[in-house]
Amino acid sequence: MFPELGFYTLAGAPKSPRDLIGEVQMAEDLGLGAVFISERFDKKEAATISGAAGAVSKTMRIITAATNHNTRHPMVTASFATTMHFLTGGRFTLGIGRGVPLLQDALGIPRIKTAEMEDFALVMRRLWRGETIMGHKGPMGEYPFLRIDPSYDEDIPLGLVAFGPNSLALGGRVFDDIILHTFFTDETTEKSVRIVKQAAEQAGRDPGQVRVWSCFATIGDHIPEPLRLKKSVGRLATYLQAYGDLMVRTNDWDPSVLERFRADPMVSSFPGAIDGTQTTTEQFEHIATLIPEEWLAPSATGSPEQCIAAVKNQMALGCDGVILHGATPSELEPIIAAYRSVS
């Protein structure tokens, strides 16, 4: 019903991955067009979650946003995508991203370069077309032999979670779905869309066929205030913990604010992600004093009608779709009802 709208299943820190069953079914009933799957190294392994989402849905697109190309052998990832493609009748998109450098360093996973993701995408497309690749030597690594099935001739969409100008341009050149980051200012969103579409055109592709998704924090005032704090202040604070310099640079924010945020005793001593389950309302309220209102402003807040106006503005900025980020389908129900009434 609304192919331009999506949501992330198992947002935040779910108690059980089985929660996705009801979420996906309800989202499909509401008319959402896509379910996005983020990966965490606990109980949100992307291939498992994707299979479950495919099994309990009928019409929704299923998009990983994102997994990393270097945590599995390329043959494993290629067969994961083809399995999902056939399981869902072509509703699957394999979305990858650069990952969090601090976590990669801690786990001994190599940091991902733009050239590696491009090489990976081109290899995947060749394998899905049934090609046999002998002696591959490229940025993603060296592989003597790669092949799935010579009879295949499949067109499986590829997605990219993109942040900076290099990855955005890569998305336009090679990928089909480009997912922007949460809390992008209007100026950053508009610029990001322009980079993607121009890169697509320069590569000889139809820019209209390259979909740019706004990942838009959606926090209606119909949910309790403590939960709103977690979904807004807690989520942005966690991003600032993980890659604050990149967010500040991308949005042209004041870096001195980030320095004060990091120097705060509560932040600097916090054991893990700030939006984790152990965080108290009092801690969120304190952290809220460290983050300017304008940093939290790029989001859908207020009444359902106000949320929808903000969502439609993302499309006016050039986005092809909007991910109603950080909200479960039950939390989105009044917002989708408002969207339906004006669509």
C-alpha atoms as a PDB file:
ATOM      1  CA  MET A   1       0.000   0.000   0.000  1.00  0.00           C
ATOM      2  CA  PHE A   2       2.851   2.380   0.880  1.00  0.00           C
ATOM      3  CA  PRO A   3       6.003   1.107  -0.854  1.00  0.00           C
ATOM      4  CA  GLU A   4       7.746   4.357   0.061  1.00  0.00           C
ATOM      5  CA  LEU A   5       7.557   3.639   3.806  1.00  0.00           C
ATOM      6  CA  GLY A   6       9.606   1.172   5.833  1.00  0.00           C
ATOM      7  CA  PHE A   7      10.580   0.314   9.390  1.00  0.00           C
ATOM      8  CA  TYR A   8      13.363  -1.483  11.248  1.00  0.00           C
ATOM      9  CA  THR A   9      12.303  -4.693  12.905  1.00  0.00           C
ATOM     10  CA  LEU A  10      13.647  -5.427  16.391  1.00  0.00           C
ATOM     11  CA  ALA A  11      14.507  -1.781  16.967  1.00  0.00           C
ATOM     12  CA  GLY A  12      16.849  -1.144  19.871  1.00  0.00           C
ATOM     13  CA  ALA A  13      17.570  -4.034  22.213  1.00  0.00           C
ATOM     14  CA  PRO A  14      14.710  -6.563  21.884  1.00  0.00           C
ATOM     15  CA  LYS A  15      14.132  -9.217  24.507  1.00  0.00           C
ATOM     16  CA  SER A  16      13.709 -11.909  21.864  1.00  0.00           C
ATOM     17  CA  PRO A  17      14.156 -12.084  18.092  1.00  0.00           C
ATOM     18  CA  ARG A  18      10.758 -13.806  17.960  1.00  0.00           C
ATOM     19  CA  ASP A  19       9.261 -10.340  18.399  1.00  0.00           C
ATOM     20  CA  LEU A  20       9.843  -9.795  14.682  1.00  0.00           C
ATOM     21  CA  ILE A  21       7.086 -12.274  13.781  1.00  0.00           C
ATOM     22  CA  GLY A  22       4.302 -10.078  15.109  1.00  0.00           C
ATOM     23  CA  GLU A  23       6.079  -6.895  14.000  1.00  0.00           C
ATOM     24  CA  VAL A  24       6.450  -7.946  10.382  1.00  0.00           C
ATOM     25  CA  GLN A  25       2.895  -9.241  10.155  1.00  0.00           C
ATOM     26  CA  MET A  26       1.469  -6.077  11.688  1.00  0.00           C
ATOM     27  CA  ALA A  27       3.634  -3.829   9.507  1.00  0.00           C
ATOM     28  CA  GLU A  28       2.395  -5.615   6.408  1.00  0.00           C
ATOM     29  CA  ASP A  29      -1.207  -5.241   7.577  1.00  0.00           C
ATOM     30  CA  LEU A  30      -0.582  -1.506   8.080  1.00  0.00           C
ATOM     31  CA  GLY A  31       0.662  -1.265   4.518  1.00  0.00           C
ATOM     32  CA  LEU A  32       4.359  -0.626   5.074  1.00  0.00           C
ATOM     33  CA  GLY A  33       6.383  -1.524   1.991  1.00  0.00           C
ATOM     34  CA  ALA A  34       9.718  -2.596   3.453  1.00  0.00           C
ATOM     35  CA  VAL A  35      11.231  -4.104   6.561  1.00  0.00           C
ATOM     36  CA  PHE A  36      14.847  -3.225   7.280  1.00  0.00           C
ATOM     37  CA  ILE A  37      17.141  -5.476   9.276  1.00  0.00           C
ATOM     38  CA  SER A  38      20.122  -4.216  11.230  1.00  0.00           C
ATOM     39  CA  GLU A  39      22.738  -6.626  12.485  1.00  0.00           C
ATOM     40  CA  ARG A  40      24.193  -6.856  15.961  1.00  0.00           C
ATOM     41  CA  PHE A  41      26.536  -9.517  17.236  1.00  0.00           C
ATOM     42  CA  ASP A  42      24.131 -10.892  19.815  1.00  0.00           C
ATOM     43  CA  LYS A  43      20.653 -12.126  18.833  1.00  0.00           C
ATOM     44  CA  LYS A  44      20.229 -10.087  15.633  1.00  0.00           C
ATOM     45  CA  GLU A  45      22.287 -12.087  13.135  1.00  0.00           C
ATOM     46  CA  ALA A  46      21.123 -10.817   9.755  1.00  0.00           C
ATOM     47  CA  ALA A  47      20.706 -14.050   7.786  1.00  0.00           C
ATOM     48  CA  THR A  48      18.564 -15.693  10.455  1.00  0.00           C
ATOM     49  CA  ILE A  49      16.401 -12.608  10.923  1.00  0.00           C
ATOM     50  CA  SER A  50      15.992 -12.209   7.150  1.00  0.00           C
ATOM     51  CA  GLY A  51      14.794 -15.793   6.755  1.00  0.00           C
ATOM     52  CA  ALA A  52      12.234 -15.377   9.516  1.00  0.00           C
ATOM     53  CA  ALA A  53      10.975 -12.117   8.011  1.00  0.00           C
ATOM     54  CA  GLY A  54      10.669 -13.780   4.614  1.00  0.00           C
ATOM     55  CA  ALA A  55       8.729 -16.684   6.031  1.00  0.00           C
ATOM     56  CA  VAL A  56       6.068 -14.590   7.771  1.00  0.00           C
ATOM     57  CA  SER A  57       5.560 -11.903   5.090  1.00  0.00           C
ATOM     58  CA  LYS A  58       3.929 -11.929   1.667  1.00  0.00           C
ATOM     59  CA  THR A  59       4.437  -8.550   0.021  1.00  0.00           C
ATOM     60  CA  MET A  60       7.022  -6.504   1.919  1.00  0.00           C
ATOM     61  CA  ARG A  61      10.548  -5.976   0.673  1.00  0.00           C
ATOM     62  CA  ILE A  62      13.202  -7.290   3.068  1.00  0.00           C
ATOM     63  CA  ILE A  63      16.405  -5.230   3.194  1.00  0.00           C
ATOM     64  CA  THR A  64      19.475  -5.806   5.333  1.00  0.00           C
ATOM     65  CA  ALA A  65      20.710  -2.411   6.460  1.00  0.00           C
ATOM     66  CA  ALA A  66      23.188  -3.461   7.139  1.00  0.00           C
ATOM     67  CA  THR A  67      25.482  -6.416   7.335  1.00  0.00           C
ATOM     68  CA  ASN A  68      29.214  -6.227   6.574  1.00  0.00           C
ATOM     69  CA  HIS A  69      30.718  -7.934   3.557  1.00  0.00           C
ATOM     70  CA  ASN A  70      33.887  -9.026   5.381  1.00  0.00           C
ATOM     71  CA  THR A  71      32.329 -11.013   8.232  1.00  0.00           C
ATOM     72  CA  ARG A  72      31.420 -13.922   5.937  1.00  0.00           C
ATOM     73  CA  HIS A  73      33.113 -15.603   3.015  1.00  0.00           C
ATOM     74  CA  PRO A  74      31.693 -14.059  -0.207  1.00  0.00           C
ATOM     75  CA  MET A  75      30.262 -17.414  -1.242  1.00  0.00           C
ATOM     76  CA  VAL A  76      28.333 -17.605   2.034  1.00  0.00           C
ATOM     77  CA  THR A  77      26.941 -14.108   1.545  1.00  0.00           C
ATOM     78  CA  ALA A  78      26.126 -14.727  -2.112  1.00  0.00           C
ATOM     79  CA  SER A  79      24.213 -17.902  -1.280  1.00  0.00           C
ATOM     80  CA  PHE A  80      22.467 -16.145   1.632  1.00  0.00           C
ATOM     81  CA  ALA A  81      21.171 -13.574  -0.865  1.00  0.00           C
ATOM     82  CA  THR A  82      20.119 -16.109  -3.506  1.00  0.00           C
ATOM     83  CA  THR A  83      18.360 -18.224  -0.876  1.00  0.00           C
ATOM     84  CA  MET A  84      16.432 -15.171   0.307  1.00  0.00           C
ATOM     85  CA  HIS A  85      15.731 -14.113  -3.278  1.00  0.00           C
ATOM     86  CA  PHE A  86      14.084 -17.426  -4.148  1.00  0.00           C
ATOM     87  CA  LEU A  87      12.427 -17.799  -0.747  1.00  0.00           C
ATOM     88  CA  THR A  88      10.663 -14.453  -1.074  1.00  0.00           C
ATOM     89  CA  GLY A  89       9.949 -14.399  -4.792  1.00  0.00           C
ATOM     90  CA  GLY A  90      12.370 -11.546  -5.411  1.00  0.00           C
ATOM     91  CA  ARG A  91      11.552  -9.365  -2.390  1.00  0.00           C
ATOM     92  CA  PHE A  92      15.054  -9.398  -0.872  1.00  0.00           C
ATOM     93  CA  THR A  93      17.767  -6.736  -1.021  1.00  0.00           C
ATOM     94  CA  LEU A  94      21.267  -7.441   0.268  1.00  0.00           C
ATOM     95  CA  GLY A  95      22.357  -4.260   2.007  1.00  0.00           C
ATOM     96  CA  ILE A  96      25.871  -3.740   3.313  1.00  0.00           C
ATOM     97  CA  GLY A  97      27.668  -0.979   5.201  1.00  0.00           C
ATOM     98  CA  ARG A  98      31.012   0.156   6.492  1.00  0.00           C
ATOM     99  CA  GLY A  99      30.385  -0.771  10.128  1.00  0.00           C
ATOM    100  CA  VAL A 100      31.608   0.802  13.370  1.00  0.00           C
ATOM    101  CA  PRO A 101      35.411   1.132  13.363  1.00  0.00           C
ATOM    102  CA  LEU A 102      35.817   0.998  17.162  1.00  0.00           C
ATOM    103  CA  LEU A 103      33.889  -2.278  17.351  1.00  0.00           C
ATOM    104  CA  GLN A 104      35.760  -3.715  14.382  1.00  0.00           C
ATOM    105  CA  ASP A 105      39.073  -2.863  16.011  1.00  0.00           C
ATOM    106  CA  ALA A 106      38.003  -4.512  19.259  1.00  0.00           C
ATOM    107  CA  LEU A 107      36.898  -7.707  17.478  1.00  0.00           C
ATOM    108  CA  GLY A 108      39.850  -7.899  15.105  1.00  0.00           C
ATOM    109  CA  ILE A 109      37.667  -7.303  12.025  1.00  0.00           C
ATOM    110  CA  PRO A 110      39.438  -5.228   9.369  1.00  0.00           C
ATOM    111  CA  ARG A 111      38.060  -1.753   8.788  1.00  0.00           C
ATOM    112  CA  ILE A 112      36.120  -1.533   5.529  1.00  0.00           C
ATOM    113  CA  LYS A 113      37.207   0.684   2.651  1.00  0.00           C
ATOM    114  CA  THR A 114      34.964   2.083  -0.075  1.00  0.00           C
ATOM    115  CA  ALA A 115      36.838   0.216  -2.817  1.00  0.00           C
ATOM    116  CA  GLU A 116      36.186  -3.093  -1.034  1.00  0.00           C
ATOM    117  CA  MET A 117      32.424  -2.540  -1.023  1.00  0.00           C
ATOM    118  CA  GLU A 118      32.435  -1.668  -4.718  1.00  0.00           C
ATOM    119  CA  ASP A 119      34.495  -4.736  -5.584  1.00  0.00           C
ATOM    120  CA  PHE A 120      32.182  -6.900  -3.478  1.00  0.00           C
ATOM    121  CA  ALA A 121      29.049  -5.541  -5.171  1.00  0.00           C
ATOM    122  CA  LEU A 122      30.429  -6.209  -8.652  1.00  0.00           C
ATOM    123  CA  VAL A 123      31.440  -9.750  -7.681  1.00  0.00           C
ATOM    124  CA  MET A 124      27.980 -10.466  -6.247  1.00  0.00           C
ATOM    125  CA  ARG A 125      26.284  -9.347  -9.453  1.00  0.00           C
ATOM    126  CA  ARG A 126      28.530 -11.602 -11.535  1.00  0.00           C
ATOM    127  CA  LEU A 127      27.844 -14.613  -9.318  1.00  0.00           C
ATOM    128  CA  TRP A 128      24.077 -14.041  -9.422  1.00  0.00           C
ATOM    129  CA  ARG A 129      24.287 -13.954 -13.214  1.00  0.00           C
ATOM    130  CA  GLY A 130      25.770 -17.447 -13.139  1.00  0.00           C
ATOM    131  CA  GLU A 131      29.383 -16.506 -13.851  1.00  0.00           C
ATOM    132  CA  THR A 132      32.379 -18.509 -12.710  1.00  0.00           C
ATOM    133  CA  ILE A 133      35.103 -16.238 -11.327  1.00  0.00           C
ATOM    134  CA  MET A 134      38.615 -17.639 -11.415  1.00  0.00           C
ATOM    135  CA  GLY A 135      41.557 -16.068  -9.631  1.00  0.00           C
ATOM    136  CA  HIS A 136      39.860 -12.960  -8.342  1.00  0.00           C
ATOM    137  CA  LYS A 137      42.298 -10.386  -7.006  1.00  0.00           C
ATOM    138  CA  GLY A 138      40.736  -7.146  -5.891  1.00  0.00           C
ATOM    139  CA  PRO A 139      40.191  -4.811  -2.933  1.00  0.00           C
ATOM    140  CA  MET A 140      37.874  -7.322  -1.235  1.00  0.00           C
ATOM    141  CA  GLY A 141      40.561 -10.025  -1.312  1.00  0.00           C
ATOM    142  CA  GLU A 142      41.932 -12.902  -3.347  1.00  0.00           C
ATOM    143  CA  TYR A 143      39.773 -15.927  -4.165  1.00  0.00           C
ATOM    144  CA  PRO A 144      40.886 -18.766  -6.483  1.00  0.00           C
ATOM    145  CA  PHE A 145      37.362 -19.890  -7.394  1.00  0.00           C
ATOM    146  CA  LEU A 146      33.895 -18.383  -6.948  1.00  0.00           C
ATOM    147  CA  ARG A 147      30.678 -19.791  -8.416  1.00  0.00           C
ATOM    148  CA  ILE A 148      27.119 -20.469  -7.308  1.00  0.00           C
ATOM    149  CA  ASP A 149      25.260 -22.009 -10.250  1.00  0.00           C
ATOM    150  CA  PRO A 150      25.931 -21.464 -13.970  1.00  0.00           C
ATOM    151  CA  SER A 151      22.189 -21.627 -14.677  1.00  0.00           C
ATOM    152  CA  TYR A 152      21.437 -18.548 -12.595  1.00  0.00           C
ATOM    153  CA  ASP A 153      20.590 -15.221 -14.203  1.00  0.00           C
ATOM    154  CA  GLU A 154      19.170 -13.322 -11.252  1.00  0.00           C
ATOM    155  CA  ASP A 155      18.905  -9.595 -10.631  1.00  0.00           C
ATOM    156  CA  ILE A 156      19.098  -9.249  -6.856  1.00  0.00           C
ATOM    157  CA  PRO A 157      19.042  -5.644  -5.592  1.00  0.00           C
ATOM    158  CA  LEU A 158      21.958  -4.363  -3.557  1.00  0.00           C
ATOM    159  CA  GLY A 159      21.708  -1.781  -0.790  1.00  0.00           C
ATOM    160  CA  LEU A 160      24.299   0.458   0.824  1.00  0.00           C
ATOM    161  CA  VAL A 161      24.170   2.322   4.115  1.00  0.00           C
ATOM    162  CA  ALA A 162      25.997   5.505   3.152  1.00  0.00           C
ATOM    163  CA  PHE A 163      27.328   8.395   5.205  1.00  0.00           C
ATOM    164  CA  GLY A 164      30.113  10.403   3.588  1.00  0.00           C
ATOM    165  CA  PRO A 165      30.449  11.657  -0.002  1.00  0.00           C
ATOM    166  CA  ASN A 166      32.584   8.726  -1.192  1.00  0.00           C
ATOM    167  CA  SER A 167      30.115   6.064  -0.065  1.00  0.00           C
ATOM    168  CA  LEU A 168      27.157   8.116  -1.326  1.00  0.00           C
ATOM    169  CA  ALA A 169      28.753   8.375  -4.765  1.00  0.00           C
ATOM    170  CA  LEU A 170      29.495   4.640  -4.685  1.00  0.00           C
ATOM    171  CA  GLY A 171      25.825   4.019  -3.949  1.00  0.00           C
ATOM    172  CA  GLY A 172      24.795   5.990  -6.998  1.00  0.00           C
ATOM    173  CA  ARG A 173      27.277   4.167  -9.247  1.00  0.00           C
ATOM    174  CA  VAL A 174      26.641   0.584  -8.230  1.00  0.00           C
ATOM    175  CA  PHE A 175      23.859   0.045  -5.677  1.00  0.00           C
ATOM    176  CA  ASP A 176      20.047   0.089  -5.895  1.00  0.00           C
ATOM    177  CA  ASP A 177      18.930   1.216  -2.429  1.00  0.00           C
ATOM    178  CA  ILE A 178      20.936   3.826  -0.524  1.00  0.00           C
ATOM    179  CA  ILE A 179      20.072   4.235   3.151  1.00  0.00           C
ATOM    180  CA  LEU A 180      21.037   7.512   4.785  1.00  0.00           C
ATOM    181  CA  HIS A 181      21.833   7.939   8.464  1.00  0.00           C
ATOM    182  CA  THR A 182      19.515   9.093  11.220  1.00  0.00           C
ATOM    183  CA  PHE A 183      19.589  12.731  12.403  1.00  0.00           C
ATOM    184  CA  PHE A 184      20.762  14.139   9.088  1.00  0.00           C
ATOM    185  CA  THR A 185      19.859  17.817   8.809  1.00  0.00           C
ATOM    186  CA  ASP A 186      17.710  18.932   5.889  1.00  0.00           C
ATOM    187  CA  GLU A 187      20.789  20.400   4.223  1.00  0.00           C
ATOM    188  CA  THR A 188      22.741  17.172   4.649  1.00  0.00           C
ATOM    189  CA  THR A 189      19.836  15.072   3.359  1.00  0.00           C
ATOM    190  CA  GLU A 190      19.358  17.237   0.286  1.00  0.00           C
ATOM    191  CA  LYS A 191      23.093  17.190  -0.449  1.00  0.00           C
ATOM    192  CA  SER A 192      23.271  13.412   0.036  1.00  0.00           C
ATOM    193  CA  VAL A 193      20.430  12.779  -2.402  1.00  0.00           C
ATOM    194  CA  ARG A 194      22.098  15.048  -4.947  1.00  0.00           C
ATOM    195  CA  ILE A 195      25.427  13.193  -4.675  1.00  0.00           C
ATOM    196  CA  VAL A 196      23.731   9.810  -5.170  1.00  0.00           C
ATOM    197  CA  LYS A 197      21.616  10.862  -8.136  1.00  0.00           C
ATOM    198  CA  GLN A 198      24.464  12.694  -9.889  1.00  0.00           C
ATOM    199  CA  ALA A 199      26.771   9.701  -9.456  1.00  0.00           C
ATOM    200  CA  ALA A 200      24.103   7.424 -10.915  1.00  0.00           C
ATOM    201  CA  GLU A 201      23.678   9.673 -13.928  1.00  0.00           C
ATOM    202  CA  GLN A 202      27.437   9.951 -14.473  1.00  0.00           C
ATOM    203  CA  ALA A 203      27.645   6.142 -14.401  1.00  0.00           C
ATOM    204  CA  GLY A 204      25.026   5.899 -17.148  1.00  0.00           C
ATOM    205  CA  ARG A 205      22.290   4.703 -14.826  1.00  0.00           C
ATOM    206  CA  ASP A 206      18.754   6.014 -14.499  1.00  0.00           C
ATOM    207  CA  PRO A 207      18.783   8.114 -11.296  1.00  0.00           C
ATOM    208  CA  GLY A 208      15.085   7.410 -10.857  1.00  0.00           C
ATOM    209  CA  GLN A 209      15.854   3.704 -10.433  1.00  0.00           C
ATOM    210  CA  VAL A 210      18.312   4.352  -7.584  1.00  0.00           C
ATOM    211  CA  ARG A 211      16.246   4.675  -4.411  1.00  0.00           C
ATOM    212  CA  VAL A 212      17.441   6.908  -1.577  1.00  0.00           C
ATOM    213  CA  TRP A 213      15.916   6.176   1.830  1.00  0.00           C
ATOM    214  CA  SER A 214      15.800   8.691   4.655  1.00  0.00           C
ATOM    215  CA  CYS A 215      16.351   6.944   7.979  1.00  0.00           C
ATOM    216  CA  PHE A 216      14.097   9.244   9.974  1.00  0.00           C
ATOM    217  CA  ALA A 217      13.691   8.984  13.749  1.00  0.00           C
ATOM    218  CA  THR A 218       9.934   8.755  14.345  1.00  0.00           C
ATOM    219  CA  ILE A 219       8.909   9.512  17.910  1.00  0.00           C
ATOM    220  CA  GLY A 220       5.251  10.416  18.270  1.00  0.00           C
ATOM    221  CA  ASP A 221       3.961  12.092  21.406  1.00  0.00           C
ATOM    222  CA  HIS A 222       1.512   9.213  21.922  1.00  0.00           C
ATOM    223  CA  ILE A 223       4.304   7.107  23.468  1.00  0.00           C
ATOM    224  CA  PRO A 224       5.457   7.704  27.082  1.00  0.00           C
ATOM    225  CA  GLU A 225       7.984  10.459  27.740  1.00  0.00           C
ATOM    226  CA  PRO A 226      10.713   8.132  29.129  1.00  0.00           C
ATOM    227  CA  LEU A 227      10.534   6.074  25.942  1.00  0.00           C
ATOM    228  CA  ARG A 228      10.666   9.229  23.828  1.00  0.00           C
ATOM    229  CA  LEU A 229      13.849  10.232  25.637  1.00  0.00           C
ATOM    230  CA  LYS A 230      15.417   6.849  24.929  1.00  0.00           C
ATOM    231  CA  LYS A 231      14.483   6.958  21.246  1.00  0.00           C
ATOM    232  CA  SER A 232      15.721  10.525  20.741  1.00  0.00           C
ATOM    233  CA  VAL A 233      18.397  11.538  23.251  1.00  0.00           C
ATOM    234  CA  GLY A 234      19.532   7.977  23.905  1.00  0.00           C
ATOM    235  CA  ARG A 235      19.802   7.056  20.243  1.00  0.00           C
ATOM    236  CA  LEU A 236      21.680  10.185  19.177  1.00  0.00           C
ATOM    237  CA  ALA A 237      23.984   9.927  22.204  1.00  0.00           C
ATOM    238  CA  THR A 238      24.863   6.371  21.189  1.00  0.00           C
ATOM    239  CA  TYR A 239      25.734   7.539  17.672  1.00  0.00           C
ATOM    240  CA  LEU A 240      27.920  10.256  19.166  1.00  0.00           C
ATOM    241  CA  GLN A 241      29.681   7.600  21.244  1.00  0.00           C
ATOM    242  CA  ALA A 242      30.359   5.425  18.209  1.00  0.00           C
ATOM    243  CA  TYR A 243      31.216   7.933  15.461  1.00  0.00           C
ATOM    244  CA  GLY A 244      30.536  11.401  16.767  1.00  0.00           C
ATOM    245  CA  ASP A 245      33.272  13.086  14.731  1.00  0.00           C
ATOM    246  CA  LEU A 246      31.749  11.811  11.497  1.00  0.00           C
ATOM    247  CA  MET A 247      28.254  12.977  12.455  1.00  0.00           C
ATOM    248  CA  VAL A 248      29.477  16.418  13.469  1.00  0.00           C
ATOM    249  CA  ARG A 249      31.533  16.801  10.302  1.00  0.00           C
ATOM    250  CA  THR A 250      28.727  15.566   8.046  1.00  0.00           C
ATOM    251  CA  ASN A 251      26.098  17.877   9.550  1.00  0.00           C
ATOM    252  CA  ASP A 252      28.494  20.821  10.001  1.00  0.00           C
ATOM    253  CA  TRP A 253      27.767  20.893  13.729  1.00  0.00           C
ATOM    254  CA  ASP A 254      29.908  22.603  16.364  1.00  0.00           C
ATOM    255  CA  PRO A 255      32.700  20.180  17.357  1.00  0.00           C
ATOM    256  CA  SER A 256      33.113  21.841  20.753  1.00  0.00           C
ATOM    257  CA  VAL A 257      29.673  20.506  21.708  1.00  0.00           C
ATOM    258  CA  LEU A 258      30.874  16.989  20.974  1.00  0.00           C
ATOM    259  CA  GLU A 259      33.979  17.578  23.088  1.00  0.00           C
ATOM    260  CA  ARG A 260      31.842  18.667  26.060  1.00  0.00           C
ATOM    261  CA  PHE A 261      29.573  15.659  25.543  1.00  0.00           C
ATOM    262  CA  ARG A 262      32.523  13.263  25.613  1.00  0.00           C
ATOM    263  CA  ALA A 263      34.104  14.971  28.623  1.00  0.00           C
ATOM    264  CA  ASP A 264      30.983  14.663  30.745  1.00  0.00           C
ATOM    265  CA  PRO A 265      31.699  12.239  33.623  1.00  0.00           C
ATOM    266  CA  MET A 266      28.520  10.232  33.055  1.00  0.00           C
ATOM    267  CA  VAL A 267      29.167   9.845  29.339  1.00  0.00           C
ATOM    268  CA  SER A 268      32.867   9.074  29.645  1.00  0.00           C
ATOM    269  CA  SER A 269      32.257   6.385  32.272  1.00  0.00           C
ATOM    270  CA  PHE A 270      29.125   4.862  30.769  1.00  0.00           C
ATOM    271  CA  PRO A 271      29.456   1.057  30.438  1.00  0.00           C
ATOM    272  CA  GLY A 272      28.319   0.440  26.864  1.00  0.00           C
ATOM    273  CA  ALA A 273      25.774   2.011  24.547  1.00  0.00           C
ATOM    274  CA  ILE A 274      23.838   4.865  26.137  1.00  0.00           C
ATOM    275  CA  ASP A 275      20.539   3.676  24.642  1.00  0.00           C
ATOM    276  CA  GLY A 276      21.045   0.271  26.233  1.00  0.00           C
ATOM    277  CA  THR A 277      18.504  -1.346  28.501  1.00  0.00           C
ATOM    278  CA  GLN A 278      20.413  -0.411  31.674  1.00  0.00           C
ATOM    279  CA  THR A 279      20.054   3.346  31.165  1.00  0.00           C
ATOM    280  CA  THR A 280      17.713   5.161  33.572  1.00  0.00           C
ATOM    281  CA  THR A 281      15.352   8.045  32.826  1.00  0.00           C
ATOM    282  CA  GLU A 282      17.434  10.269  35.100  1.00  0.00           C
ATOM    283  CA  GLN A 283      20.534   9.507  33.034  1.00  0.00           C
ATOM    284  CA  PHE A 284      18.693  10.295  29.793  1.00  0.00           C
ATOM    285  CA  GLU A 285      17.486  13.577  31.296  1.00  0.00           C
ATOM    286  CA  HIS A 286      21.044  14.528  32.209  1.00  0.00           C
ATOM    287  CA  ILE A 287      22.405  13.595  28.781  1.00  0.00           C
ATOM    288  CA  ALA A 288      19.639  15.669  27.197  1.00  0.00           C
ATOM    289  CA  THR A 289      21.273  18.764  28.714  1.00  0.00           C
ATOM    290  CA  LEU A 290      24.439  17.990  26.720  1.00  0.00           C
ATOM    291  CA  ILE A 291      22.805  17.769  23.273  1.00  0.00           C
ATOM    292  CA  PRO A 292      21.465  20.886  21.506  1.00  0.00           C
ATOM    293  CA  GLU A 293      17.830  20.841  20.431  1.00  0.00           C
ATOM    294  CA  GLU A 294      18.837  21.500  16.822  1.00  0.00           C
ATOM    295  CA  TRP A 295      20.824  18.251  16.794  1.00  0.00           C
ATOM    296  CA  LEU A 296      17.654  16.344  17.707  1.00  0.00           C
ATOM    297  CA  ALA A 297      15.406  18.352  15.401  1.00  0.00           C
ATOM    298  CA  PRO A 298      15.765  16.189  12.228  1.00  0.00           C
ATOM    299  CA  SER A 299      13.049  13.758  13.332  1.00  0.00           C
ATOM    300  CA  ALA A 300       9.298  13.157  13.217  1.00  0.00           C
ATOM    301  CA  THR A 301       7.841  14.260  16.545  1.00  0.00           C
ATOM    302  CA  GLY A 302       4.575  15.505  17.993  1.00  0.00           C
ATOM    303  CA  SER A 303       1.102  14.449  16.901  1.00  0.00           C
ATOM    304  CA  PRO A 304       0.584  11.896  14.127  1.00  0.00           C
ATOM    305  CA  GLU A 305      -0.234  14.760  11.764  1.00  0.00           C
ATOM    306  CA  GLN A 306       2.975  16.584  12.697  1.00  0.00           C
ATOM    307  CA  CYS A 307       4.965  13.382  12.218  1.00  0.00           C
ATOM    308  CA  ILE A 308       3.489  12.893   8.747  1.00  0.00           C
ATOM    309  CA  ALA A 309       4.284  16.474   7.767  1.00  0.00           C
ATOM    310  CA  ALA A 310       7.910  15.861   8.733  1.00  0.00           C
ATOM    311  CA  VAL A 311       7.974  12.566   6.801  1.00  0.00           C
ATOM    312  CA  LYS A 312       6.594  14.227   3.682  1.00  0.00           C
ATOM    313  CA  ASN A 313       9.254  16.912   3.990  1.00  0.00           C
ATOM    314  CA  GLN A 314      11.911  14.197   3.665  1.00  0.00           C
ATOM    315  CA  MET A 315      10.405  13.286   0.317  1.00  0.00           C
ATOM    316  CA  ALA A 316      10.296  16.962  -0.656  1.00  0.00           C
ATOM    317  CA  LEU A 317      14.060  17.012  -0.027  1.00  0.00           C
ATOM    318  CA  GLY A 318      14.424  14.335  -2.707  1.00  0.00           C
ATOM    319  CA  CYS A 319      14.241  11.044  -0.798  1.00  0.00           C
ATOM    320  CA  ASP A 320      12.420   8.201  -2.555  1.00  0.00           C
ATOM    321  CA  GLY A 321      11.401   6.510   0.674  1.00  0.00           C
ATOM    322  CA  VAL A 322      11.377   7.067   4.428  1.00  0.00           C
ATOM    323  CA  ILE A 323      12.264   4.533   7.103  1.00  0.00           C
ATOM    324  CA  LEU A 324      10.193   5.327  10.197  1.00  0.00           C
ATOM    325  CA  HIS A 325      13.160   4.620  12.390  1.00  0.00           C
ATOM    326  CA  GLY A 326      13.222   3.441  15.984  1.00  0.00           C
ATOM    327  CA  ALA A 327       9.508   2.686  16.211  1.00  0.00           C
ATOM    328  CA  THR A 328       7.621  -0.591  16.320  1.00  0.00           C
ATOM    329  CA  PRO A 329       4.563  -1.129  14.091  1.00  0.00           C
ATOM    330  CA  SER A 330       2.265  -0.751  17.104  1.00  0.00           C
ATOM    331  CA  GLU A 331       3.898   2.601  17.870  1.00  0.00           C
ATOM    332  CA  LEU A 332       3.505   3.575  14.212  1.00  0.00           C
ATOM    333  CA  GLU A 333      -0.184   2.623  13.936  1.00  0.00           C
ATOM    334  CA  PRO A 334      -1.669   6.116  14.577  1.00  0.00           C
ATOM    335  CA  ILE A 335       0.973   7.703  12.340  1.00  0.00           C
ATOM    336  CA  ILE A 336       0.192   5.346   9.449  1.00  0.00           C
ATOM    337  CA  ALA A 337      -3.517   6.030   9.937  1.00  0.00           C
ATOM    338  CA  ALA A 338      -2.774   9.744   9.548  1.00  0.00           C
ATOM    339  CA  TYR A 339      -0.610   9.055   6.507  1.00  0.00           C
ATOM    340  CA  ARG A 340      -3.371   7.006   4.911  1.00  0.00           C
ATOM    341  CA  SER A 341      -5.865   9.828   5.350  1.00  0.00           C
ATOM    342  CA  VAL A 342      -3.712  12.296   3.397  1.00  0.00           C
ATOM    343  CA  SER A 343      -2.282   9.933   0.756  1.00  0.00           C
END
